Amino acid sequence: MKKIIVPIDFSEYSDYALETAAMLAKKNNAEILALHMLEMSEAILTKGENEMQMETVFFLKLAEKRFNEFLDKDYLEGLKVTPIVKHFKVFSEVNEVAKEQGADLVVMGSHGTSGIKEFFIGSNTEKVVRYSEVPVLVIKHNPILTEFDNVVFACDFSEESVSAYINAKNMFESLQSKMHMIYVNLPSENFRSTAEMEGKVVSFLKKADGNLDNLSNVTYVSDYTVEKGITNFSNLVGADLIAIATHGRKGLAHFFEGSISEDIANHSTLPVMTFKI
């Protein structure tokens, strides 16, 4: 892990994310890219070119000053921190910056959402999770520790999840974490017998790893929803982190189908790391 992006909105939650990123950066000798999206109003964007340029420069200078003050943290001492200011608050742009910079991880703070607001607005973190092609670590609280000794990786063990699994395995090997893998069996049309689940996992691991060395790390969980299955198992094993693959649905498909990974990122009290399928 060489570069970690932390989107900054100057809230306490972005402070939590920044401190978590600092701990990870020190452990991996990584650089932190502190990213602030400068939201420009329609009123400014519709003004004349010269007037718009003057106001843009003013807001950029203001953001730079506030940025410097926000980044004046004791826990960043000794780390390489690069501030980046973008003009528009477009959450797909976090992914563009990640690709441009060759980042390995995005760390974001989130207070989560619930109820009607979650359907119609969603959280900024949820939008980044949806667009990001690099792993996203979602932090809810002031970081107490970031050792992540016990990690639960939830997977449906489908062929399309192979790349997400490989990325997760490499990530947690670098962090020296023990990765518990779970398959959640639901009482629905997707219900599988024990033999069917085991057969699917065996085929998956042969394709992903070329061996069955990790078969003993897979647990089969039965629950009413995938989210409950993951949460209950994570509590049982004393997990420090939940990891999950995400399809990154966009538009109407996301509205009507929802996303398990985004639900967990929103609702879990544990840190959550998502990997794009």
C-alpha atoms as a PDB file:
ATOM      1  CA  MET A   1       0.000   0.000   0.000  1.00  0.00           C
ATOM      2  CA  LYS A   2       1.669   3.188  -1.233  1.00  0.00           C
ATOM      3  CA  LYS A   3      -1.059   5.840  -1.543  1.00  0.00           C
ATOM      4  CA  ILE A   4      -4.215   6.415   0.521  1.00  0.00           C
ATOM      5  CA  ILE A   5      -6.896   8.946  -0.489  1.00  0.00           C
ATOM      6  CA  VAL A   6      -8.925  10.666   2.238  1.00  0.00           C
ATOM      7  CA  PRO A   7     -11.831  12.872   1.049  1.00  0.00           C
ATOM      8  CA  ILE A   8     -12.052  15.839   3.442  1.00  0.00           C
ATOM      9  CA  ASP A   9     -15.179  17.890   4.184  1.00  0.00           C
ATOM     10  CA  PHE A  10     -13.786  19.324   7.462  1.00  0.00           C
ATOM     11  CA  SER A  11     -16.265  17.335   9.570  1.00  0.00           C
ATOM     12  CA  GLU A  12     -15.383  15.209  12.601  1.00  0.00           C
ATOM     13  CA  TYR A  13     -15.982  12.136  10.426  1.00  0.00           C
ATOM     14  CA  SER A  14     -13.325  13.138   7.919  1.00  0.00           C
ATOM     15  CA  ASP A  15     -11.056  13.687  10.925  1.00  0.00           C
ATOM     16  CA  TYR A  16     -11.718  10.067  11.980  1.00  0.00           C
ATOM     17  CA  ALA A  17     -10.887   8.919   8.450  1.00  0.00           C
ATOM     18  CA  LEU A  18      -7.715  10.993   8.324  1.00  0.00           C
ATOM     19  CA  GLU A  19      -6.473   9.610  11.647  1.00  0.00           C
ATOM     20  CA  THR A  20      -7.212   6.052  10.505  1.00  0.00           C
ATOM     21  CA  ALA A  21      -5.371   6.696   7.247  1.00  0.00           C
ATOM     22  CA  ALA A  22      -2.419   8.073   9.230  1.00  0.00           C
ATOM     23  CA  MET A  23      -2.192   4.854  11.253  1.00  0.00           C
ATOM     24  CA  LEU A  24      -2.305   2.755   8.092  1.00  0.00           C
ATOM     25  CA  ALA A  25       0.203   5.025   6.333  1.00  0.00           C
ATOM     26  CA  LYS A  26       2.698   4.713   9.186  1.00  0.00           C
ATOM     27  CA  LYS A  27       2.361   0.935   9.160  1.00  0.00           C
ATOM     28  CA  ASN A  28       2.838   0.716   5.381  1.00  0.00           C
ATOM     29  CA  ASN A  29       5.111   3.719   4.749  1.00  0.00           C
ATOM     30  CA  ALA A  30       2.399   5.191   2.516  1.00  0.00           C
ATOM     31  CA  GLU A  31       1.532   8.699   1.312  1.00  0.00           C
ATOM     32  CA  ILE A  32      -1.790  10.333   2.215  1.00  0.00           C
ATOM     33  CA  LEU A  33      -3.656  12.252  -0.494  1.00  0.00           C
ATOM     34  CA  ALA A  34      -6.080  14.595   1.290  1.00  0.00           C
ATOM     35  CA  LEU A  35      -8.847  15.409  -1.202  1.00  0.00           C
ATOM     36  CA  HIS A  36     -11.321  18.285  -0.829  1.00  0.00           C
ATOM     37  CA  MET A  37     -14.208  18.772  -3.247  1.00  0.00           C
ATOM     38  CA  LEU A  38     -14.838  22.512  -3.621  1.00  0.00           C
ATOM     39  CA  GLU A  39     -18.568  22.760  -4.277  1.00  0.00           C
ATOM     40  CA  MET A  40     -19.283  25.594  -6.714  1.00  0.00           C
ATOM     41  CA  SER A  41     -22.843  26.947  -6.756  1.00  0.00           C
ATOM     42  CA  GLU A  42     -24.853  27.349  -9.954  1.00  0.00           C
ATOM     43  CA  ALA A  43     -24.902  31.111  -9.293  1.00  0.00           C
ATOM     44  CA  ILE A  44     -21.118  31.259  -9.635  1.00  0.00           C
ATOM     45  CA  LEU A  45     -20.984  28.926 -12.626  1.00  0.00           C
ATOM     46  CA  THR A  46     -23.466  31.026 -14.626  1.00  0.00           C
ATOM     47  CA  LYS A  47     -21.595  34.301 -14.152  1.00  0.00           C
ATOM     48  CA  GLY A  48     -19.339  35.923 -16.723  1.00  0.00           C
ATOM     49  CA  GLU A  49     -15.950  34.350 -17.332  1.00  0.00           C
ATOM     50  CA  ASN A  50     -13.835  37.014 -15.578  1.00  0.00           C
ATOM     51  CA  GLU A  51     -16.154  37.275 -12.582  1.00  0.00           C
ATOM     52  CA  MET A  52     -16.336  33.498 -12.277  1.00  0.00           C
ATOM     53  CA  GLN A  53     -12.524  33.223 -12.401  1.00  0.00           C
ATOM     54  CA  MET A  54     -12.160  35.799  -9.616  1.00  0.00           C
ATOM     55  CA  GLU A  55     -14.689  34.055  -7.355  1.00  0.00           C
ATOM     56  CA  THR A  56     -13.176  30.641  -8.115  1.00  0.00           C
ATOM     57  CA  VAL A  57      -9.721  31.880  -7.109  1.00  0.00           C
ATOM     58  CA  PHE A  58     -11.195  33.371  -3.916  1.00  0.00           C
ATOM     59  CA  PHE A  59     -12.886  30.102  -2.902  1.00  0.00           C
ATOM     60  CA  LEU A  60      -9.795  28.069  -3.802  1.00  0.00           C
ATOM     61  CA  LYS A  61      -7.636  30.308  -1.577  1.00  0.00           C
ATOM     62  CA  LEU A  62     -10.205  30.028   1.209  1.00  0.00           C
ATOM     63  CA  ALA A  63     -10.276  26.240   0.884  1.00  0.00           C
ATOM     64  CA  GLU A  64      -6.468  26.109   0.842  1.00  0.00           C
ATOM     65  CA  LYS A  65      -6.271  28.122   4.088  1.00  0.00           C
ATOM     66  CA  ARG A  66      -8.884  25.971   5.803  1.00  0.00           C
ATOM     67  CA  PHE A  67      -7.214  22.856   4.443  1.00  0.00           C
ATOM     68  CA  ASN A  68      -3.847  23.798   5.904  1.00  0.00           C
ATOM     69  CA  GLU A  69      -5.458  24.414   9.284  1.00  0.00           C
ATOM     70  CA  PHE A  70      -7.342  21.093   9.168  1.00  0.00           C
ATOM     71  CA  LEU A  71      -4.186  19.159   8.253  1.00  0.00           C
ATOM     72  CA  ASP A  72      -2.256  20.606  11.191  1.00  0.00           C
ATOM     73  CA  LYS A  73      -2.569  17.396  13.253  1.00  0.00           C
ATOM     74  CA  ASP A  74      -0.038  15.801  15.583  1.00  0.00           C
ATOM     75  CA  TYR A  75      -0.885  12.332  14.244  1.00  0.00           C
ATOM     76  CA  LEU A  76       0.248  13.403  10.728  1.00  0.00           C
ATOM     77  CA  GLU A  77       3.739  14.256  11.912  1.00  0.00           C
ATOM     78  CA  GLY A  78       6.409  12.475   9.885  1.00  0.00           C
ATOM     79  CA  LEU A  79       3.977  11.478   7.119  1.00  0.00           C
ATOM     80  CA  LYS A  80       3.901  12.680   3.535  1.00  0.00           C
ATOM     81  CA  VAL A  81       0.520  14.411   3.085  1.00  0.00           C
ATOM     82  CA  THR A  82      -0.443  15.885  -0.292  1.00  0.00           C
ATOM     83  CA  PRO A  83      -3.511  18.194  -0.339  1.00  0.00           C
ATOM     84  CA  ILE A  84      -5.659  18.103  -3.498  1.00  0.00           C
ATOM     85  CA  VAL A  85      -8.544  20.525  -4.159  1.00  0.00           C
ATOM     86  CA  LYS A  86     -11.063  19.783  -6.911  1.00  0.00           C
ATOM     87  CA  HIS A  87     -13.601  22.329  -8.183  1.00  0.00           C
ATOM     88  CA  PHE A  88     -16.757  20.230  -8.168  1.00  0.00           C
ATOM     89  CA  LYS A  89     -18.425  18.021  -5.615  1.00  0.00           C
ATOM     90  CA  VAL A  90     -18.880  15.026  -7.917  1.00  0.00           C
ATOM     91  CA  PHE A  91     -18.374  11.727  -6.148  1.00  0.00           C
ATOM     92  CA  SER A  92     -17.353   9.814  -9.252  1.00  0.00           C
ATOM     93  CA  GLU A  93     -14.383  12.194  -9.338  1.00  0.00           C
ATOM     94  CA  VAL A  94     -12.894  10.509  -6.255  1.00  0.00           C
ATOM     95  CA  ASN A  95     -12.446   7.431  -8.423  1.00  0.00           C
ATOM     96  CA  GLU A  96     -10.845   9.538 -11.171  1.00  0.00           C
ATOM     97  CA  VAL A  97      -8.345  10.988  -8.693  1.00  0.00           C
ATOM     98  CA  ALA A  98      -7.627   7.484  -7.369  1.00  0.00           C
ATOM     99  CA  LYS A  99      -6.839   6.255 -10.891  1.00  0.00           C
ATOM    100  CA  GLU A 100      -4.749   9.312 -11.749  1.00  0.00           C
ATOM    101  CA  GLN A 101      -2.698   8.996  -8.566  1.00  0.00           C
ATOM    102  CA  GLY A 102      -2.440   5.194  -8.556  1.00  0.00           C
ATOM    103  CA  ALA A 103      -4.045   5.045  -5.099  1.00  0.00           C
ATOM    104  CA  ASP A 104      -4.486   1.724  -3.308  1.00  0.00           C
ATOM    105  CA  LEU A 105      -7.232   2.695  -0.861  1.00  0.00           C
ATOM    106  CA  VAL A 106      -9.860   5.365  -0.147  1.00  0.00           C
ATOM    107  CA  VAL A 107     -10.616   6.030   3.541  1.00  0.00           C
ATOM    108  CA  MET A 108     -13.854   7.874   4.327  1.00  0.00           C
ATOM    109  CA  GLY A 109     -15.688   8.855   7.475  1.00  0.00           C
ATOM    110  CA  SER A 110     -19.431   8.345   7.606  1.00  0.00           C
ATOM    111  CA  HIS A 111     -22.263   8.823  10.097  1.00  0.00           C
ATOM    112  CA  GLY A 112     -24.496   6.552   7.970  1.00  0.00           C
ATOM    113  CA  THR A 113     -28.071   7.209   6.937  1.00  0.00           C
ATOM    114  CA  SER A 114     -31.434   5.637   7.560  1.00  0.00           C
ATOM    115  CA  GLY A 115     -35.068   5.815   6.567  1.00  0.00           C
ATOM    116  CA  ILE A 116     -36.480   7.866   3.689  1.00  0.00           C
ATOM    117  CA  LYS A 117     -33.381  10.045   3.415  1.00  0.00           C
ATOM    118  CA  GLU A 118     -31.313   6.957   2.628  1.00  0.00           C
ATOM    119  CA  PHE A 119     -33.464   6.126  -0.402  1.00  0.00           C
ATOM    120  CA  PHE A 120     -33.685   9.556  -1.949  1.00  0.00           C
ATOM    121  CA  ILE A 121     -30.400  11.189  -1.002  1.00  0.00           C
ATOM    122  CA  GLY A 122     -28.011   8.625   0.399  1.00  0.00           C
ATOM    123  CA  SER A 123     -24.732   9.536   2.022  1.00  0.00           C
ATOM    124  CA  ASN A 124     -21.648  10.935   0.329  1.00  0.00           C
ATOM    125  CA  THR A 125     -19.771   7.834   1.433  1.00  0.00           C
ATOM    126  CA  GLU A 126     -22.380   5.599  -0.188  1.00  0.00           C
ATOM    127  CA  LYS A 127     -21.854   7.413  -3.494  1.00  0.00           C
ATOM    128  CA  VAL A 128     -18.081   6.976  -3.315  1.00  0.00           C
ATOM    129  CA  VAL A 129     -18.515   3.262  -2.529  1.00  0.00           C
ATOM    130  CA  ARG A 130     -20.759   2.978  -5.584  1.00  0.00           C
ATOM    131  CA  TYR A 131     -18.261   4.570  -8.003  1.00  0.00           C
ATOM    132  CA  SER A 132     -14.835   3.625  -6.640  1.00  0.00           C
ATOM    133  CA  GLU A 133     -12.786   1.002  -8.445  1.00  0.00           C
ATOM    134  CA  VAL A 134     -10.266   0.847  -5.586  1.00  0.00           C
ATOM    135  CA  PRO A 135     -11.132  -0.487  -2.116  1.00  0.00           C
ATOM    136  CA  VAL A 136     -13.001   1.938   0.155  1.00  0.00           C
ATOM    137  CA  LEU A 137     -12.619   1.810   3.947  1.00  0.00           C
ATOM    138  CA  VAL A 138     -15.581   3.370   5.765  1.00  0.00           C
ATOM    139  CA  ILE A 139     -14.962   4.623   9.329  1.00  0.00           C
ATOM    140  CA  LYS A 140     -17.830   5.516  11.702  1.00  0.00           C
ATOM    141  CA  HIS A 141     -16.090   6.425  14.943  1.00  0.00           C
ATOM    142  CA  ASN A 142     -12.938   7.883  16.386  1.00  0.00           C
ATOM    143  CA  PRO A 143     -10.348   5.179  15.633  1.00  0.00           C
ATOM    144  CA  ILE A 144      -9.268   3.205  18.682  1.00  0.00           C
ATOM    145  CA  LEU A 145      -7.140   0.746  16.763  1.00  0.00           C
ATOM    146  CA  THR A 146      -6.524  -0.135  13.134  1.00  0.00           C
ATOM    147  CA  GLU A 147      -4.709  -3.424  13.484  1.00  0.00           C
ATOM    148  CA  PHE A 148      -7.634  -5.235  11.860  1.00  0.00           C
ATOM    149  CA  ASP A 149      -6.469  -8.586  13.247  1.00  0.00           C
ATOM    150  CA  ASN A 150      -9.801 -10.304  12.503  1.00  0.00           C
ATOM    151  CA  VAL A 151     -11.504  -9.503   9.218  1.00  0.00           C
ATOM    152  CA  VAL A 152     -14.771 -10.968   7.948  1.00  0.00           C
ATOM    153  CA  PHE A 153     -14.978 -11.126   4.140  1.00  0.00           C
ATOM    154  CA  ALA A 154     -18.509 -11.807   2.879  1.00  0.00           C
ATOM    155  CA  CYS A 155     -18.753 -13.345  -0.565  1.00  0.00           C
ATOM    156  CA  ASP A 156     -21.339 -15.107  -2.735  1.00  0.00           C
ATOM    157  CA  PHE A 157     -18.487 -17.157  -4.276  1.00  0.00           C
ATOM    158  CA  SER A 158     -19.670 -16.425  -7.800  1.00  0.00           C
ATOM    159  CA  GLU A 159     -17.212 -16.345 -10.684  1.00  0.00           C
ATOM    160  CA  GLU A 160     -17.539 -12.557 -11.007  1.00  0.00           C
ATOM    161  CA  SER A 161     -16.348 -12.157  -7.391  1.00  0.00           C
ATOM    162  CA  VAL A 162     -12.942 -13.762  -8.026  1.00  0.00           C
ATOM    163  CA  SER A 163     -11.089 -10.476  -8.643  1.00  0.00           C
ATOM    164  CA  ALA A 164     -12.647  -8.855  -5.545  1.00  0.00           C
ATOM    165  CA  TYR A 165     -11.605 -11.864  -3.448  1.00  0.00           C
ATOM    166  CA  ILE A 166      -8.031 -11.766  -4.768  1.00  0.00           C
ATOM    167  CA  ASN A 167      -7.780  -8.020  -4.067  1.00  0.00           C
ATOM    168  CA  ALA A 168      -9.154  -8.538  -0.549  1.00  0.00           C
ATOM    169  CA  LYS A 169      -6.785 -11.428   0.151  1.00  0.00           C
ATOM    170  CA  ASN A 170      -3.778  -9.391  -0.999  1.00  0.00           C
ATOM    171  CA  MET A 171      -4.898  -6.383   1.039  1.00  0.00           C
ATOM    172  CA  PHE A 172      -5.320  -8.350   4.259  1.00  0.00           C
ATOM    173  CA  GLU A 173      -2.107 -10.297   3.774  1.00  0.00           C
ATOM    174  CA  SER A 174      -0.293  -6.937   3.586  1.00  0.00           C
ATOM    175  CA  LEU A 175      -2.068  -5.860   6.798  1.00  0.00           C
ATOM    176  CA  GLN A 176      -1.258  -9.240   8.432  1.00  0.00           C
ATOM    177  CA  SER A 177      -4.959  -9.824   9.112  1.00  0.00           C
ATOM    178  CA  LYS A 178      -6.744 -13.147   9.540  1.00  0.00           C
ATOM    179  CA  MET A 179      -9.504 -13.281   6.935  1.00  0.00           C
ATOM    180  CA  HIS A 180     -12.655 -15.212   7.885  1.00  0.00           C
ATOM    181  CA  MET A 181     -14.776 -15.865   4.792  1.00  0.00           C
ATOM    182  CA  ILE A 182     -18.521 -16.411   5.027  1.00  0.00           C
ATOM    183  CA  TYR A 183     -21.295 -17.536   2.726  1.00  0.00           C
ATOM    184  CA  VAL A 184     -24.756 -16.422   3.906  1.00  0.00           C
ATOM    185  CA  ASN A 185     -27.523 -18.896   3.079  1.00  0.00           C
ATOM    186  CA  LEU A 186     -31.011 -17.366   2.880  1.00  0.00           C
ATOM    187  CA  PRO A 187     -34.452 -19.008   3.298  1.00  0.00           C
ATOM    188  CA  SER A 188     -35.536 -18.049  -0.214  1.00  0.00           C
ATOM    189  CA  GLU A 189     -35.315 -19.169  -3.815  1.00  0.00           C
ATOM    190  CA  ASN A 190     -31.515 -18.859  -3.452  1.00  0.00           C
ATOM    191  CA  PHE A 191     -31.384 -21.409  -0.614  1.00  0.00           C
ATOM    192  CA  ARG A 192     -28.643 -24.022  -1.043  1.00  0.00           C
ATOM    193  CA  SER A 193     -27.979 -27.313   0.717  1.00  0.00           C
ATOM    194  CA  THR A 194     -24.700 -27.823   2.564  1.00  0.00           C
ATOM    195  CA  ALA A 195     -23.370 -29.950  -0.301  1.00  0.00           C
ATOM    196  CA  GLU A 196     -24.321 -27.269  -2.842  1.00  0.00           C
ATOM    197  CA  MET A 197     -22.627 -24.491  -0.851  1.00  0.00           C
ATOM    198  CA  GLU A 198     -19.468 -26.533  -0.333  1.00  0.00           C
ATOM    199  CA  GLY A 199     -19.335 -27.453  -4.020  1.00  0.00           C
ATOM    200  CA  LYS A 200     -19.670 -23.801  -5.035  1.00  0.00           C
ATOM    201  CA  VAL A 201     -16.915 -22.696  -2.631  1.00  0.00           C
ATOM    202  CA  VAL A 202     -14.564 -25.485  -3.748  1.00  0.00           C
ATOM    203  CA  SER A 203     -14.991 -24.508  -7.411  1.00  0.00           C
ATOM    204  CA  PHE A 204     -14.471 -20.838  -6.535  1.00  0.00           C
ATOM    205  CA  LEU A 205     -11.248 -21.386  -4.580  1.00  0.00           C
ATOM    206  CA  LYS A 206      -9.815 -23.682  -7.259  1.00  0.00           C
ATOM    207  CA  LYS A 207     -10.386 -20.922  -9.817  1.00  0.00           C
ATOM    208  CA  ALA A 208      -9.207 -18.048  -7.587  1.00  0.00           C
ATOM    209  CA  ASP A 209      -6.271 -19.677  -5.764  1.00  0.00           C
ATOM    210  CA  GLY A 210      -5.565 -22.823  -7.731  1.00  0.00           C
ATOM    211  CA  ASN A 211      -5.799 -24.747  -4.447  1.00  0.00           C
ATOM    212  CA  LEU A 212      -8.021 -25.307  -1.414  1.00  0.00           C
ATOM    213  CA  ASP A 213      -5.693 -23.916   1.257  1.00  0.00           C
ATOM    214  CA  ASN A 214      -8.311 -21.360   2.351  1.00  0.00           C
ATOM    215  CA  LEU A 215     -11.230 -23.797   2.496  1.00  0.00           C
ATOM    216  CA  SER A 216     -10.925 -24.133   6.279  1.00  0.00           C
ATOM    217  CA  ASN A 217     -11.384 -20.342   6.600  1.00  0.00           C
ATOM    218  CA  VAL A 218     -14.894 -20.448   5.054  1.00  0.00           C
ATOM    219  CA  THR A 219     -17.969 -20.544   7.315  1.00  0.00           C
ATOM    220  CA  TYR A 220     -21.543 -21.148   6.136  1.00  0.00           C
ATOM    221  CA  VAL A 221     -24.100 -18.954   7.895  1.00  0.00           C
ATOM    222  CA  SER A 222     -27.890 -19.159   7.701  1.00  0.00           C
ATOM    223  CA  ASP A 223     -29.895 -16.002   8.369  1.00  0.00           C
ATOM    224  CA  TYR A 224     -32.919 -14.029   7.189  1.00  0.00           C
ATOM    225  CA  THR A 225     -30.871 -11.373   5.333  1.00  0.00           C
ATOM    226  CA  VAL A 226     -27.297 -11.156   4.107  1.00  0.00           C
ATOM    227  CA  GLU A 227     -26.731  -8.049   6.224  1.00  0.00           C
ATOM    228  CA  LYS A 228     -27.891  -9.805   9.423  1.00  0.00           C
ATOM    229  CA  GLY A 229     -25.811 -12.867   8.633  1.00  0.00           C
ATOM    230  CA  ILE A 230     -22.658 -10.820   8.165  1.00  0.00           C
ATOM    231  CA  THR A 231     -23.269  -8.672  11.257  1.00  0.00           C
ATOM    232  CA  ASN A 232     -24.102 -11.601  13.555  1.00  0.00           C
ATOM    233  CA  PHE A 233     -21.101 -13.632  12.435  1.00  0.00           C
ATOM    234  CA  SER A 234     -18.794 -10.606  12.785  1.00  0.00           C
ATOM    235  CA  ASN A 235     -19.948 -10.154  16.378  1.00  0.00           C
ATOM    236  CA  LEU A 236     -19.451 -13.870  17.059  1.00  0.00           C
ATOM    237  CA  VAL A 237     -15.793 -13.922  15.954  1.00  0.00           C
ATOM    238  CA  GLY A 238     -14.973 -10.485  17.385  1.00  0.00           C
ATOM    239  CA  ALA A 239     -14.201  -8.972  13.993  1.00  0.00           C
ATOM    240  CA  ASP A 240     -12.357  -5.650  13.737  1.00  0.00           C
ATOM    241  CA  LEU A 241     -13.463  -5.051  10.151  1.00  0.00           C
ATOM    242  CA  ILE A 242     -16.110  -6.220   7.673  1.00  0.00           C
ATOM    243  CA  ALA A 243     -15.081  -6.563   4.029  1.00  0.00           C
ATOM    244  CA  ILE A 244     -17.508  -7.126   1.174  1.00  0.00           C
ATOM    245  CA  ALA A 245     -17.572  -7.105  -2.610  1.00  0.00           C
ATOM    246  CA  THR A 246     -19.761  -4.516  -4.346  1.00  0.00           C
ATOM    247  CA  HIS A 247     -21.261  -4.337  -7.824  1.00  0.00           C
ATOM    248  CA  GLY A 248     -21.297  -0.530  -7.636  1.00  0.00           C
ATOM    249  CA  ARG A 249     -24.819  -0.260  -9.034  1.00  0.00           C
ATOM    250  CA  LYS A 250     -25.781   3.099 -10.486  1.00  0.00           C
ATOM    251  CA  GLY A 251     -29.014   4.791 -11.461  1.00  0.00           C
ATOM    252  CA  LEU A 252     -32.371   3.015 -11.484  1.00  0.00           C
ATOM    253  CA  ALA A 253     -30.839  -0.428 -10.967  1.00  0.00           C
ATOM    254  CA  HIS A 254     -29.423   0.803  -7.669  1.00  0.00           C
ATOM    255  CA  PHE A 255     -32.706   2.459  -6.653  1.00  0.00           C
ATOM    256  CA  PHE A 256     -34.844  -0.615  -7.238  1.00  0.00           C
ATOM    257  CA  GLU A 257     -32.421  -3.370  -6.234  1.00  0.00           C
ATOM    258  CA  GLY A 258     -30.424  -1.652  -3.543  1.00  0.00           C
ATOM    259  CA  SER A 259     -26.920  -2.745  -2.587  1.00  0.00           C
ATOM    260  CA  ILE A 260     -25.957  -5.045   0.271  1.00  0.00           C
ATOM    261  CA  SER A 261     -22.485  -3.529   0.507  1.00  0.00           C
ATOM    262  CA  GLU A 262     -23.853   0.024   0.780  1.00  0.00           C
ATOM    263  CA  ASP A 263     -26.407  -1.065   3.387  1.00  0.00           C
ATOM    264  CA  ILE A 264     -23.641  -2.571   5.495  1.00  0.00           C
ATOM    265  CA  ALA A 265     -21.370   0.439   4.971  1.00  0.00           C
ATOM    266  CA  ASN A 266     -24.239   2.649   6.166  1.00  0.00           C
ATOM    267  CA  HIS A 267     -25.458   0.591   9.110  1.00  0.00           C
ATOM    268  CA  SER A 268     -22.485  -1.307  10.536  1.00  0.00           C
ATOM    269  CA  THR A 269     -20.807   0.057  13.660  1.00  0.00           C
ATOM    270  CA  LEU A 270     -17.605  -1.714  12.599  1.00  0.00           C
ATOM    271  CA  PRO A 271     -15.315  -0.296   9.915  1.00  0.00           C
ATOM    272  CA  VAL A 272     -16.300  -1.621   6.488  1.00  0.00           C
ATOM    273  CA  MET A 273     -14.064  -2.114   3.463  1.00  0.00           C
ATOM    274  CA  THR A 274     -15.599  -2.585   0.020  1.00  0.00           C
ATOM    275  CA  PHE A 275     -14.006  -4.189  -3.055  1.00  0.00           C
ATOM    276  CA  LYS A 276     -15.368  -3.552  -6.543  1.00  0.00           C
ATOM    277  CA  ILE A 277     -16.473  -6.594  -8.547  1.00  0.00           C
END
